[in-house]
Amino acid sequence: MRRGGLKDAGKISKIARIIRLITIFYYNCLKNIKILEKYYEKTSCYRRFWK
């Protein structure tokens, strides 16, 4: 019984780790997208100003 429990715990920890990695990856992507949007807004404003 103990071995089965440990195996289940291992599976759960692996799944949790994968979920954590995915969430971190998506969070970073969203951050980068927001930063890029801000940057593009600035560049577009500068372009309008210089034109």
Protein backbone atom coordinates (compact mmCIF):
# COMPACT_ATOMS: atom_id res chain seq x y z
CA MET A 1 0.00 0.00 0.00
CA ARG A 2 2.81 2.42 0.90
CA ARG A 3 4.58 1.95 -2.46
CA GLY A 4 1.36 2.70 -4.37
CA GLY A 5 0.85 5.83 -2.28
CA LEU A 6 4.38 7.01 -3.02
CA LYS A 7 3.88 6.39 -6.74
CA ASP A 8 0.66 8.44 -6.67
CA ALA A 9 2.47 11.21 -4.76
CA GLY A 10 5.25 11.16 -7.36
CA LYS A 11 2.73 11.46 -10.18
CA ILE A 12 0.97 14.35 -8.42
CA SER A 13 4.27 16.17 -7.80
CA LYS A 14 5.27 15.68 -11.46
CA ILE A 15 1.91 17.03 -12.67
CA ALA A 16 2.16 19.96 -10.22
CA ARG A 17 5.67 20.74 -11.49
CA ILE A 18 4.50 20.67 -15.12
CA ILE A 19 1.51 22.92 -14.31
CA ARG A 20 3.83 25.32 -12.45
CA LEU A 21 6.21 25.48 -15.44
CA ILE A 22 3.31 26.11 -17.85
CA THR A 23 1.83 28.85 -15.65
CA ILE A 24 5.23 30.54 -15.27
CA PHE A 25 5.82 30.29 -19.03
CA TYR A 26 2.41 31.80 -19.89
CA TYR A 27 2.80 34.50 -17.20
CA ASN A 28 6.17 35.53 -18.68
CA CYS A 29 4.69 35.50 -22.19
CA LEU A 30 1.83 37.77 -21.10
CA LYS A 31 4.32 40.10 -19.39
CA ASN A 32 6.45 40.25 -22.55
CA ILE A 33 3.39 40.87 -24.75
CA LYS A 34 2.30 43.74 -22.47
CA ILE A 35 5.81 45.22 -22.55
CA LEU A 36 5.91 44.87 -26.36
CA GLU A 37 2.50 46.55 -26.66
CA LYS A 38 3.73 49.47 -24.55
CA TYR A 39 6.91 49.69 -26.62
CA TYR A 40 4.98 49.64 -29.90
CA GLU A 41 2.60 52.29 -28.61
CA LYS A 42 5.60 54.49 -27.76
CA THR A 43 7.27 53.89 -31.13
CA SER A 44 4.01 54.59 -32.98
CA CYS A 45 3.62 57.84 -31.02
CA TYR A 46 7.21 58.79 -31.86
CA ARG A 47 6.61 57.96 -35.51
CA ARG A 48 3.52 60.19 -35.59
CA PHE A 49 5.45 62.94 -33.83
CA TRP A 50 8.40 62.75 -36.25
CA LYS A 51 6.14 62.56 -39.29
